[in-house]
Amino acid sequence: MEKSAKYEREDKASFFGARHVQCFMIFIGLTVAFAQRVNFSVAIVAMTDRNATNPDFEEYAWSEQTKSYLLSGFFWGYFVTQIPGGQLAHKYGGKIMLLLSLGLSSILCMLTPLTARLGDWKLVFALRVVQGLIQGCIFPSTHTLLSKWVPPEERGSIGTFCYTGVQFGSVLMMGISGTIASSSLGWPGIFYTSGLISLLYVIMWYFVGASEPSDFKWISAEEKLYIQSSLVASTKPEEEHVPTKTPWVKILTSVPFLVILIAQSTFAWGFWTMLIQIPSYMKNILKQDIKSNALMSALPYLVNMFLTFAFCGLNNFLIKRNLISIRTSRKLFNTIGFWVPVLPLILLGYLREDQSSLAVGLLVILIGVNSAAYLGFLTNHIDLSPNFAGILMGVANCMANLMGVVAPLLVGFIVTDSKNVNQWRIIFNITAALYFIGNLLFIIFGQVKIQKWNYPKETEQQRDHIKFEPVNVEKEVY
């Protein structure tokens, strides 16, 4: 009777509920956050070439080295606040940290054109650093929210769906930036548009967002019970508020976590190298104007987004049919996302100006298939430690976004002549090698088993006596 009641509860809660609303709002949040990051990659092309867009707006004579500094500026701040961001989200909840981060960042985004007029590239660089500092809470907050809202068996699909906001924001901004820059709004319109949309989202999130199911007044009793009973790391009600101390030494010496850190860093190197440098590569090597440049740069990320949904569906099918375990799923999709792009990356360095269609095809394969990795390392933090998922994401994303600082600077150091395809070839080969190494280590050392340090010492002895309600995913996780 108890077992049948459990499955009846799952059926009532499994189709569509409050957790899906929350995840959709997180998806939109990541969309607007990434729109604010990507906008500068396209805008800087217009800001430094008046003839490429509306000529009625300022043009800045920034060198390639200066542009590299500006493109990396966001990450100088962003990687610094990842770990504090994880701690703050763990302490105050994901909702408030996401709200503050996006709200303040949106205001700075709209101030970008003014800072360029007042202080040239130095003030713009400072603004981008501060904007990065503020946005450092976003990914840790997202992981903290997912650890509270998403049952383990839905983590690969619903959790990954949230992160497609990364691609959607990139597609949206790259797709419309060229048109906005060529309109009467000029290149400043890129910043005004993305900033205003972000502020509208912040207002919606204030009213709809919730840090956990118990904070959301429109959730059904069935769904709330379903989520709480499905979480592998759930505890008895009297234990929920036991003070927890972050086990830093155990986290930083945990091989499964260090493997995630390496995988996330190598993935970030490739992701940001492609995202930031594609507009420049399109303009200088493939000779595309800014309108076609923006659309062609956005196409791979559009494919990436749709393939994410396809990979989520395939993952659900394989797991629900018991064809693969969660452990196999993580490593299989991580391998697709890391190793399939290696060959297209190498080939990109050998293309000529008259092979722009082939280049776009390779970029579509490279960036599109890259999305499979979101079902690999990106949800693995929650597998290892639901209680400290936000903190793990903060640490890993700190190192990963250090790559966002180093990658543009290395590109600026190596690509001294942006029209020289041989110099671009070096960048693509470095990225391919990092992809290969990152996934190889994940295959060998990656785990999905919940780590012992996930549980606070105060409850370890109590936890041994807790009888969890049987959930199918436990068998797969362990």
Protein backbone atom coordinates (compact mmCIF):
# COMPACT_ATOMS: atom_id res chain seq x y z
CA MET A 1 0.00 0.00 0.00
CA GLU A 2 2.81 2.39 0.94
CA LYS A 3 4.66 1.62 -2.28
CA SER A 4 1.61 2.14 -4.47
CA ALA A 5 0.91 5.45 -2.71
CA LYS A 6 4.45 6.56 -3.48
CA TYR A 7 4.08 5.87 -7.20
CA GLU A 8 0.67 7.54 -7.23
CA ARG A 9 2.31 10.62 -5.71
CA GLU A 10 5.04 10.53 -8.35
CA ASP A 11 2.46 10.30 -11.16
CA LYS A 12 0.58 13.34 -9.86
CA ALA A 13 3.75 15.39 -9.54
CA SER A 14 5.81 14.20 -12.49
CA PHE A 15 4.14 15.81 -15.53
CA PHE A 16 4.30 19.56 -14.89
CA GLY A 17 4.56 21.43 -11.63
CA ALA A 18 6.20 24.18 -9.63
CA ARG A 19 9.71 22.76 -10.16
CA HIS A 20 9.26 23.11 -13.92
CA VAL A 21 8.21 26.75 -13.47
CA GLN A 22 11.29 27.40 -11.36
CA CYS A 23 13.56 25.71 -13.86
CA PHE A 24 12.05 27.73 -16.72
CA MET A 25 12.71 30.91 -14.77
CA ILE A 26 16.31 29.79 -14.15
CA PHE A 27 16.59 29.14 -17.91
CA ILE A 28 15.47 32.73 -18.64
CA GLY A 29 17.82 34.03 -15.95
CA LEU A 30 20.82 32.36 -17.57
CA THR A 31 19.61 33.63 -20.95
CA VAL A 32 19.71 37.28 -19.89
CA ALA A 33 22.94 36.78 -17.93
CA PHE A 34 24.75 35.43 -20.98
CA ALA A 35 23.22 38.04 -23.24
CA GLN A 36 25.05 40.59 -21.08
CA ARG A 37 28.32 38.71 -21.48
CA VAL A 38 28.13 38.03 -25.19
CA ASN A 39 26.91 41.50 -26.21
CA PHE A 40 30.40 42.96 -25.89
CA SER A 41 31.92 40.35 -28.24
CA VAL A 42 29.73 41.61 -31.09
CA ALA A 43 29.55 45.25 -30.02
CA ILE A 44 33.34 45.64 -29.97
CA VAL A 45 33.43 44.89 -33.71
CA ALA A 46 31.05 47.80 -34.31
CA MET A 47 32.73 50.07 -31.76
CA THR A 48 36.08 49.77 -33.56
CA ASP A 49 34.80 49.96 -37.15
CA ARG A 50 32.30 52.74 -37.86
CA ASN A 51 31.83 51.65 -41.46
CA ALA A 52 30.64 48.21 -40.37
CA THR A 53 27.44 49.59 -38.79
CA ASN A 54 25.62 52.89 -38.24
CA PRO A 55 28.36 55.53 -38.80
CA ASP A 56 26.61 58.13 -36.62
CA PHE A 57 28.12 56.75 -33.42
CA GLU A 58 31.58 56.92 -31.87
CA GLU A 59 34.46 54.83 -33.17
CA TYR A 60 37.33 53.79 -30.93
CA ALA A 61 40.85 53.11 -32.24
CA TRP A 62 41.61 50.20 -29.95
CA SER A 63 44.53 47.91 -30.76
CA GLU A 64 44.20 44.12 -30.88
CA GLN A 65 45.93 43.90 -27.51
CA THR A 66 43.51 46.42 -26.00
CA LYS A 67 40.55 44.50 -27.38
CA SER A 68 41.92 41.32 -25.80
CA TYR A 69 42.05 43.08 -22.43
CA LEU A 70 38.48 44.32 -22.84
CA LEU A 71 37.18 40.90 -23.89
CA SER A 72 38.82 39.30 -20.86
CA GLY A 73 37.83 42.05 -18.43
CA PHE A 74 34.54 40.47 -17.39
CA PHE A 75 36.36 37.32 -16.27
CA TRP A 76 38.91 39.18 -14.15
CA GLY A 77 36.04 39.88 -11.80
CA TYR A 78 33.90 36.85 -12.53
CA PHE A 79 36.29 34.14 -11.36
CA VAL A 80 37.08 36.01 -8.10
CA THR A 81 33.52 35.81 -6.69
CA GLN A 82 32.68 32.22 -7.63
CA ILE A 83 33.63 30.72 -4.26
CA PRO A 84 32.13 33.53 -2.15
CA GLY A 85 29.08 33.33 -4.41
CA GLY A 86 28.67 29.64 -3.59
CA GLN A 87 28.95 30.34 0.13
CA LEU A 88 26.41 33.19 -0.04
CA ALA A 89 23.95 31.09 -2.03
CA HIS A 90 24.38 28.26 0.48
CA LYS A 91 23.70 30.65 3.38
CA TYR A 92 21.02 32.99 2.01
CA GLY A 93 19.43 30.89 -0.74
CA GLY A 94 19.72 30.94 -4.51
CA LYS A 95 16.78 33.29 -5.15
CA ILE A 96 18.10 36.42 -3.47
CA MET A 97 21.64 36.00 -4.83
CA LEU A 98 20.40 35.51 -8.41
CA LEU A 99 18.11 38.53 -8.01
CA LEU A 100 20.84 40.87 -6.75
CA SER A 101 23.44 39.65 -9.21
CA LEU A 102 21.31 40.11 -12.32
CA GLY A 103 19.73 43.35 -11.11
CA LEU A 104 23.02 45.15 -10.46
CA SER A 105 24.65 43.70 -13.58
CA SER A 106 21.78 44.96 -15.75
CA ILE A 107 22.30 48.53 -14.58
CA LEU A 108 26.03 48.36 -15.35
CA CYS A 109 25.26 46.88 -18.76
CA MET A 110 23.18 49.93 -19.71
CA LEU A 111 25.94 52.26 -18.46
CA THR A 112 28.56 50.76 -20.83
CA PRO A 113 28.14 53.34 -23.67
CA LEU A 114 28.44 56.21 -21.17
CA THR A 115 31.62 54.79 -19.62
CA ALA A 116 33.16 54.44 -23.10
CA ARG A 117 32.51 58.14 -23.79
CA LEU A 118 33.77 59.30 -20.40
CA GLY A 119 36.83 57.12 -19.88
CA ASP A 120 37.60 55.27 -23.13
CA TRP A 121 38.77 51.65 -22.85
CA LYS A 122 40.17 51.90 -19.32
CA LEU A 123 36.81 52.81 -17.78
CA VAL A 124 35.03 50.21 -19.92
CA PHE A 125 37.51 47.61 -18.70
CA ALA A 126 36.85 48.61 -15.08
CA LEU A 127 33.08 48.38 -15.63
CA ARG A 128 33.40 44.92 -17.18
CA VAL A 129 35.51 43.76 -14.21
CA VAL A 130 32.87 44.99 -11.75
CA GLN A 131 30.12 43.42 -13.83
CA GLY A 132 32.00 40.12 -13.67
CA LEU A 133 32.39 40.43 -9.89
CA ILE A 134 28.63 40.88 -9.56
CA GLN A 135 27.73 37.99 -11.87
CA GLY A 136 30.02 35.59 -10.01
CA CYS A 137 27.07 34.40 -7.91
CA ILE A 138 24.94 33.25 -10.85
CA PHE A 139 26.18 29.71 -11.51
CA PRO A 140 26.63 28.79 -7.81
CA SER A 141 23.12 30.15 -7.15
CA THR A 142 21.74 28.12 -10.04
CA HIS A 143 23.31 24.92 -8.76
CA THR A 144 22.03 25.63 -5.25
CA LEU A 145 18.51 26.11 -6.62
CA LEU A 146 18.67 22.92 -8.69
CA SER A 147 19.89 20.88 -5.71
CA LYS A 148 16.77 21.97 -3.80
CA TRP A 149 14.22 21.71 -6.61
CA VAL A 150 15.17 18.86 -8.96
CA PRO A 151 14.80 15.16 -7.99
CA PRO A 152 17.90 13.08 -8.82
CA GLU A 153 16.20 11.10 -11.60
CA GLU A 154 15.31 14.38 -13.39
CA ARG A 155 18.65 16.06 -12.83
CA GLY A 156 20.10 15.16 -16.21
CA SER A 157 17.12 16.48 -18.19
CA ILE A 158 15.53 19.34 -16.23
CA GLY A 159 18.85 20.51 -14.83
CA THR A 160 20.47 20.50 -18.26
CA PHE A 161 17.47 22.33 -19.74
CA CYS A 162 18.17 25.23 -17.38
CA TYR A 163 21.69 25.54 -18.73
CA THR A 164 20.47 25.78 -22.33
CA GLY A 165 19.82 29.38 -21.34
CA VAL A 166 23.55 29.81 -21.87
CA GLN A 167 23.18 28.93 -25.54
CA PHE A 168 19.87 30.72 -25.97
CA GLY A 169 21.30 33.94 -24.55
CA SER A 170 24.31 33.61 -26.86
CA VAL A 171 22.10 32.92 -29.90
CA LEU A 172 19.72 35.75 -29.08
CA MET A 173 22.42 38.36 -28.56
CA MET A 174 24.59 37.32 -31.48
CA GLY A 175 21.57 37.07 -33.77
CA ILE A 176 20.15 40.53 -33.07
CA SER A 177 23.29 42.53 -32.24
CA GLY A 178 24.25 43.15 -35.85
CA THR A 179 20.77 44.41 -36.69
CA ILE A 180 20.64 46.66 -33.61
CA ALA A 181 24.11 48.10 -34.33
CA SER A 182 23.07 48.93 -37.91
CA SER A 183 19.80 50.54 -36.80
CA SER A 184 19.16 54.05 -35.50
CA LEU A 185 20.11 52.78 -32.01
CA GLY A 186 23.65 52.03 -33.15
CA TRP A 187 26.05 49.92 -31.12
CA PRO A 188 24.90 51.51 -27.80
CA GLY A 189 21.50 49.90 -28.45
CA ILE A 190 23.09 46.49 -27.93
CA PHE A 191 23.78 47.34 -24.28
CA TYR A 192 20.49 49.19 -23.69
CA THR A 193 18.41 46.32 -25.08
CA SER A 194 20.12 43.52 -23.15
CA GLY A 195 20.15 45.56 -19.93
CA LEU A 196 16.46 46.49 -20.09
CA ILE A 197 15.34 42.92 -20.82
CA SER A 198 17.41 41.73 -17.87
CA LEU A 199 15.74 44.23 -15.53
CA LEU A 200 12.29 43.03 -16.64
CA TYR A 201 13.34 39.48 -15.80
CA VAL A 202 14.54 40.54 -12.34
CA ILE A 203 11.07 41.90 -11.56
CA MET A 204 9.46 38.61 -12.67
CA TRP A 205 11.95 36.54 -10.65
CA TYR A 206 11.20 38.56 -7.51
CA PHE A 207 7.55 37.47 -7.62
CA VAL A 208 7.90 33.93 -9.03
CA GLY A 209 11.28 32.65 -7.82
CA ALA A 210 11.80 30.57 -4.68
CA SER A 211 14.95 29.17 -3.06
CA GLU A 212 13.29 25.83 -2.25
CA PRO A 213 9.88 24.11 -2.46
CA SER A 214 8.86 25.10 1.07
CA ASP A 215 9.21 28.79 0.07
CA PHE A 216 6.86 28.50 -2.93
CA LYS A 217 3.23 29.01 -1.96
CA TRP A 218 1.76 27.68 -5.23
CA ILE A 219 3.33 24.22 -5.06
CA SER A 220 1.00 21.24 -4.56
CA ALA A 221 1.36 19.01 -1.51
CA GLU A 222 1.97 16.00 -3.79
CA GLU A 223 4.80 17.66 -5.69
CA LYS A 224 6.42 19.03 -2.56
CA LEU A 225 6.41 15.59 -0.96
CA TYR A 226 7.63 14.00 -4.20
CA ILE A 227 10.63 16.35 -4.43
CA GLN A 228 11.59 16.02 -0.78
CA SER A 229 11.29 12.23 -0.70
CA SER A 230 13.19 11.84 -3.99
CA LEU A 231 16.28 13.76 -2.97
CA VAL A 232 18.97 11.26 -2.10
CA ALA A 233 20.46 13.57 0.52
CA SER A 234 17.16 14.44 2.18
CA THR A 235 17.04 14.20 5.95
CA LYS A 236 14.43 14.03 8.64
CA PRO A 237 12.64 17.32 9.31
CA GLU A 238 14.33 17.80 12.68
CA GLU A 239 17.75 17.52 11.01
CA GLU A 240 17.15 19.97 8.16
CA HIS A 241 18.55 22.97 10.04
CA VAL A 242 21.57 21.35 11.66
CA PRO A 243 24.51 23.79 11.14
CA THR A 244 26.86 22.59 8.43
CA LYS A 245 30.49 23.51 8.09
CA THR A 246 32.00 23.38 4.62
CA PRO A 247 34.56 20.52 4.54
CA TRP A 248 37.11 22.47 2.48
CA VAL A 249 40.05 20.10 2.93
CA LYS A 250 38.01 17.06 1.90
CA ILE A 251 36.52 18.89 -1.08
CA LEU A 252 39.86 20.14 -2.37
CA THR A 253 41.49 16.71 -1.97
CA SER A 254 38.59 14.77 -3.50
CA VAL A 255 39.76 13.16 -6.74
CA PRO A 256 36.23 12.96 -8.27
CA PHE A 257 35.76 16.68 -7.64
CA LEU A 258 39.23 17.61 -8.93
CA VAL A 259 38.37 15.75 -12.13
CA ILE A 260 35.21 17.87 -12.49
CA LEU A 261 37.33 20.97 -11.91
CA ILE A 262 39.72 19.99 -14.72
CA ALA A 263 36.89 19.03 -17.09
CA GLN A 264 35.03 22.26 -16.38
CA SER A 265 38.17 24.34 -16.89
CA THR A 266 39.09 22.75 -20.22
CA PHE A 267 35.48 23.03 -21.37
CA ALA A 268 35.41 26.70 -20.38
CA TRP A 269 38.64 27.35 -22.28
CA GLY A 270 37.07 26.05 -25.47
CA PHE A 271 33.66 27.62 -24.84
CA TRP A 272 34.96 31.13 -24.18
CA THR A 273 37.63 31.00 -26.87
CA MET A 274 34.94 30.18 -29.42
CA LEU A 275 32.27 32.51 -28.07
CA ILE A 276 34.51 35.55 -27.71
CA GLN A 277 36.67 35.09 -30.80
CA ILE A 278 34.20 33.82 -33.42
CA PRO A 279 33.05 37.35 -34.47
CA SER A 280 36.69 38.39 -34.98
CA TYR A 281 37.51 35.15 -36.81
CA MET A 282 34.48 35.62 -39.08
CA LYS A 283 35.39 39.21 -39.90
CA ASN A 284 39.14 38.87 -40.40
CA ILE A 285 39.54 35.36 -41.85
CA LEU A 286 36.21 34.73 -43.58
CA LYS A 287 35.60 38.42 -44.48
CA GLN A 288 32.00 38.54 -43.27
CA ASP A 289 30.28 41.89 -42.59
CA ILE A 290 28.80 42.42 -39.15
CA LYS A 291 25.21 41.47 -40.07
CA SER A 292 26.12 38.16 -41.69
CA ASN A 293 28.89 37.77 -39.10
CA ALA A 294 26.39 37.98 -36.24
CA LEU A 295 23.97 35.53 -37.83
CA MET A 296 26.68 33.04 -38.79
CA SER A 297 28.25 33.32 -35.33
CA ALA A 298 24.85 32.66 -33.73
CA LEU A 299 23.97 29.61 -35.86
CA PRO A 300 26.29 27.14 -34.05
CA TYR A 301 24.77 28.15 -30.69
CA LEU A 302 21.26 27.73 -32.06
CA VAL A 303 22.16 24.18 -33.09
CA ASN A 304 23.81 23.71 -29.69
CA MET A 305 20.56 24.61 -27.97
CA PHE A 306 18.41 22.23 -30.02
CA LEU A 307 20.93 19.40 -29.68
CA THR A 308 20.84 19.90 -25.91
CA PHE A 309 17.14 19.04 -25.96
CA ALA A 310 17.86 16.03 -28.19
CA PHE A 311 20.61 14.79 -25.87
CA CYS A 312 18.32 15.26 -22.84
CA GLY A 313 15.64 13.16 -24.53
CA LEU A 314 18.13 10.46 -25.45
CA ASN A 315 19.54 10.46 -21.92
CA ASN A 316 16.06 10.05 -20.40
CA PHE A 317 15.22 7.24 -22.79
CA LEU A 318 18.42 5.30 -22.04
CA ILE A 319 18.13 5.70 -18.25
CA LYS A 320 14.40 5.01 -17.95
CA ARG A 321 14.79 1.86 -20.05
CA ASN A 322 17.68 0.81 -17.79
CA LEU A 323 19.96 0.62 -20.82
CA ILE A 324 22.68 2.61 -19.08
CA SER A 325 23.41 3.74 -15.50
CA ILE A 326 23.76 7.37 -14.46
CA ARG A 327 27.52 6.83 -14.20
CA THR A 328 27.70 5.59 -17.80
CA SER A 329 25.44 8.42 -18.94
CA ARG A 330 27.68 11.10 -17.43
CA LYS A 331 30.80 9.71 -19.12
CA LEU A 332 29.12 8.88 -22.45
CA PHE A 333 27.70 12.36 -23.00
CA ASN A 334 30.81 14.05 -21.68
CA THR A 335 32.83 12.13 -24.26
CA ILE A 336 30.50 13.18 -27.08
CA GLY A 337 30.73 16.81 -25.97
CA PHE A 338 34.52 16.85 -25.62
CA TRP A 339 35.98 14.47 -28.19
CA VAL A 340 33.71 14.91 -31.22
CA PRO A 341 34.71 18.63 -31.51
CA VAL A 342 38.44 17.83 -31.62
CA LEU A 343 38.62 17.16 -35.37
CA PRO A 344 36.52 20.20 -36.44
CA LEU A 345 38.74 22.39 -34.26
CA ILE A 346 41.89 21.18 -35.98
CA LEU A 347 40.36 21.58 -39.46
CA LEU A 348 39.26 25.18 -38.76
CA GLY A 349 42.89 26.25 -38.75
CA TYR A 350 43.34 25.21 -42.38
CA LEU A 351 40.43 27.02 -44.03
CA ARG A 352 40.64 29.88 -46.53
CA GLU A 353 38.49 32.95 -47.10
CA ASP A 354 36.49 31.23 -49.86
CA GLN A 355 35.57 28.33 -47.53
CA SER A 356 33.27 30.28 -45.20
CA SER A 357 30.40 27.79 -45.66
CA LEU A 358 32.65 24.90 -44.64
CA ALA A 359 33.87 26.92 -41.67
CA VAL A 360 30.32 27.52 -40.48
CA GLY A 361 29.59 23.79 -40.93
CA LEU A 362 32.57 22.87 -38.77
CA LEU A 363 31.57 25.44 -36.15
CA VAL A 364 28.04 24.01 -36.09
CA ILE A 365 29.42 20.51 -35.43
CA LEU A 366 32.00 21.73 -32.93
CA ILE A 367 29.76 23.99 -30.85
CA GLY A 368 26.53 22.06 -31.43
CA VAL A 369 27.80 18.70 -30.23
CA ASN A 370 29.63 20.45 -27.39
CA SER A 371 26.25 20.66 -25.62
CA ALA A 372 26.36 16.94 -24.77
CA ALA A 373 28.91 17.73 -22.06
CA TYR A 374 26.20 19.48 -20.03
CA LEU A 375 24.84 16.01 -19.27
CA GLY A 376 28.32 15.03 -18.13
CA PHE A 377 30.46 17.16 -15.84
CA LEU A 378 28.00 20.02 -15.36
CA THR A 379 25.48 18.10 -13.25
CA ASN A 380 28.15 15.96 -11.61
CA HIS A 381 28.65 18.44 -8.75
CA ILE A 382 25.16 17.63 -7.47
CA ASP A 383 25.83 13.89 -7.84
CA LEU A 384 28.84 14.13 -5.55
CA SER A 385 27.34 16.47 -2.95
CA PRO A 386 23.76 17.74 -3.04
CA ASN A 387 24.36 19.62 0.23
CA PHE A 388 27.35 21.58 -1.10
CA ALA A 389 26.51 21.64 -4.82
CA GLY A 390 26.56 25.44 -5.01
CA ILE A 391 29.93 25.61 -3.27
CA LEU A 392 31.40 22.94 -5.57
CA MET A 393 30.12 24.86 -8.57
CA GLY A 394 31.65 28.05 -7.16
CA VAL A 395 35.09 26.46 -6.77
CA ALA A 396 35.03 24.74 -10.17
CA ASN A 397 33.58 27.76 -11.95
CA CYS A 398 36.22 29.96 -10.34
CA MET A 399 38.97 27.96 -12.02
CA ALA A 400 36.94 27.55 -15.20
CA ASN A 401 36.45 31.27 -15.57
CA LEU A 402 40.07 31.93 -14.92
CA MET A 403 40.29 30.37 -18.38
CA GLY A 404 38.02 33.19 -19.54
CA VAL A 405 40.76 35.59 -18.47
CA VAL A 406 43.70 33.63 -19.85
CA ALA A 407 42.18 32.53 -23.18
CA PRO A 408 41.56 36.01 -24.67
CA LEU A 409 44.97 37.18 -23.45
CA LEU A 410 46.65 34.18 -25.07
CA VAL A 411 44.74 34.84 -28.28
CA GLY A 412 45.94 38.45 -28.17
CA PHE A 413 49.52 37.26 -27.58
CA ILE A 414 49.52 34.63 -30.37
CA VAL A 415 47.20 36.25 -32.92
CA THR A 416 49.15 39.47 -33.48
CA ASP A 417 47.81 39.61 -37.04
CA SER A 418 44.10 38.77 -36.96
CA LYS A 419 44.16 38.08 -40.71
CA ASN A 420 46.80 35.35 -40.39
CA VAL A 421 45.11 31.93 -40.41
CA ASN A 422 48.32 30.21 -39.27
CA GLN A 423 48.15 32.07 -35.96
CA TRP A 424 44.49 31.11 -35.50
CA ARG A 425 45.52 27.49 -36.17
CA ILE A 426 47.68 27.49 -33.03
CA ILE A 427 44.71 28.61 -30.93
CA PHE A 428 42.43 25.91 -32.35
CA ASN A 429 45.05 23.18 -31.79
CA ILE A 430 45.58 24.21 -28.16
CA THR A 431 41.82 24.07 -27.58
CA ALA A 432 41.55 20.63 -29.20
CA ALA A 433 44.34 19.25 -26.99
CA LEU A 434 42.68 20.59 -23.82
CA TYR A 435 39.35 19.02 -24.79
CA PHE A 436 41.01 15.64 -25.26
CA ILE A 437 42.88 15.71 -21.94
CA GLY A 438 39.92 17.01 -19.93
CA ASN A 439 37.60 14.21 -21.02
CA LEU A 440 40.24 11.50 -20.71
CA LEU A 441 40.67 12.30 -17.01
CA PHE A 442 36.89 12.45 -16.51
CA ILE A 443 36.49 8.97 -18.04
CA ILE A 444 39.20 7.46 -15.85
CA PHE A 445 38.50 9.13 -12.50
CA GLY A 446 34.95 10.54 -12.65
CA GLN A 447 32.30 9.25 -10.19
CA VAL A 448 28.63 9.81 -9.41
CA LYS A 449 28.57 8.33 -5.90
CA ILE A 450 27.63 10.74 -3.13
CA GLN A 451 30.79 11.51 -1.17
CA LYS A 452 30.99 10.96 2.60
CA TRP A 453 31.89 14.59 3.20
CA ASN A 454 28.49 15.60 1.80
CA TYR A 455 27.04 14.95 5.27
CA PRO A 456 27.84 17.12 8.30
CA LYS A 457 29.66 15.34 11.11
CA GLU A 458 26.84 16.13 13.51
CA THR A 459 24.43 13.93 11.57
CA GLU A 460 26.67 11.11 10.38
CA GLN A 461 25.71 8.83 13.24
CA GLN A 462 22.03 9.76 12.94
CA ARG A 463 22.15 9.29 9.18
CA ASP A 464 23.16 5.66 9.58
CA HIS A 465 19.76 5.02 11.18
CA ILE A 466 17.69 6.97 8.67
CA LYS A 467 15.58 4.80 6.42
CA PHE A 468 15.13 6.55 3.11
CA GLU A 469 12.09 5.84 1.03
CA PRO A 470 13.21 3.64 -1.87
CA VAL A 471 13.94 5.61 -5.03
CA ASN A 472 14.96 4.01 -8.32
CA VAL A 473 17.81 6.45 -8.85
CA GLU A 474 19.70 5.25 -5.75
CA LYS A 475 20.44 1.94 -7.36
CA GLU A 476 21.75 3.74 -10.42
CA VAL A 477 23.79 6.28 -8.50
CA TYR A 478 25.52 3.75 -6.32
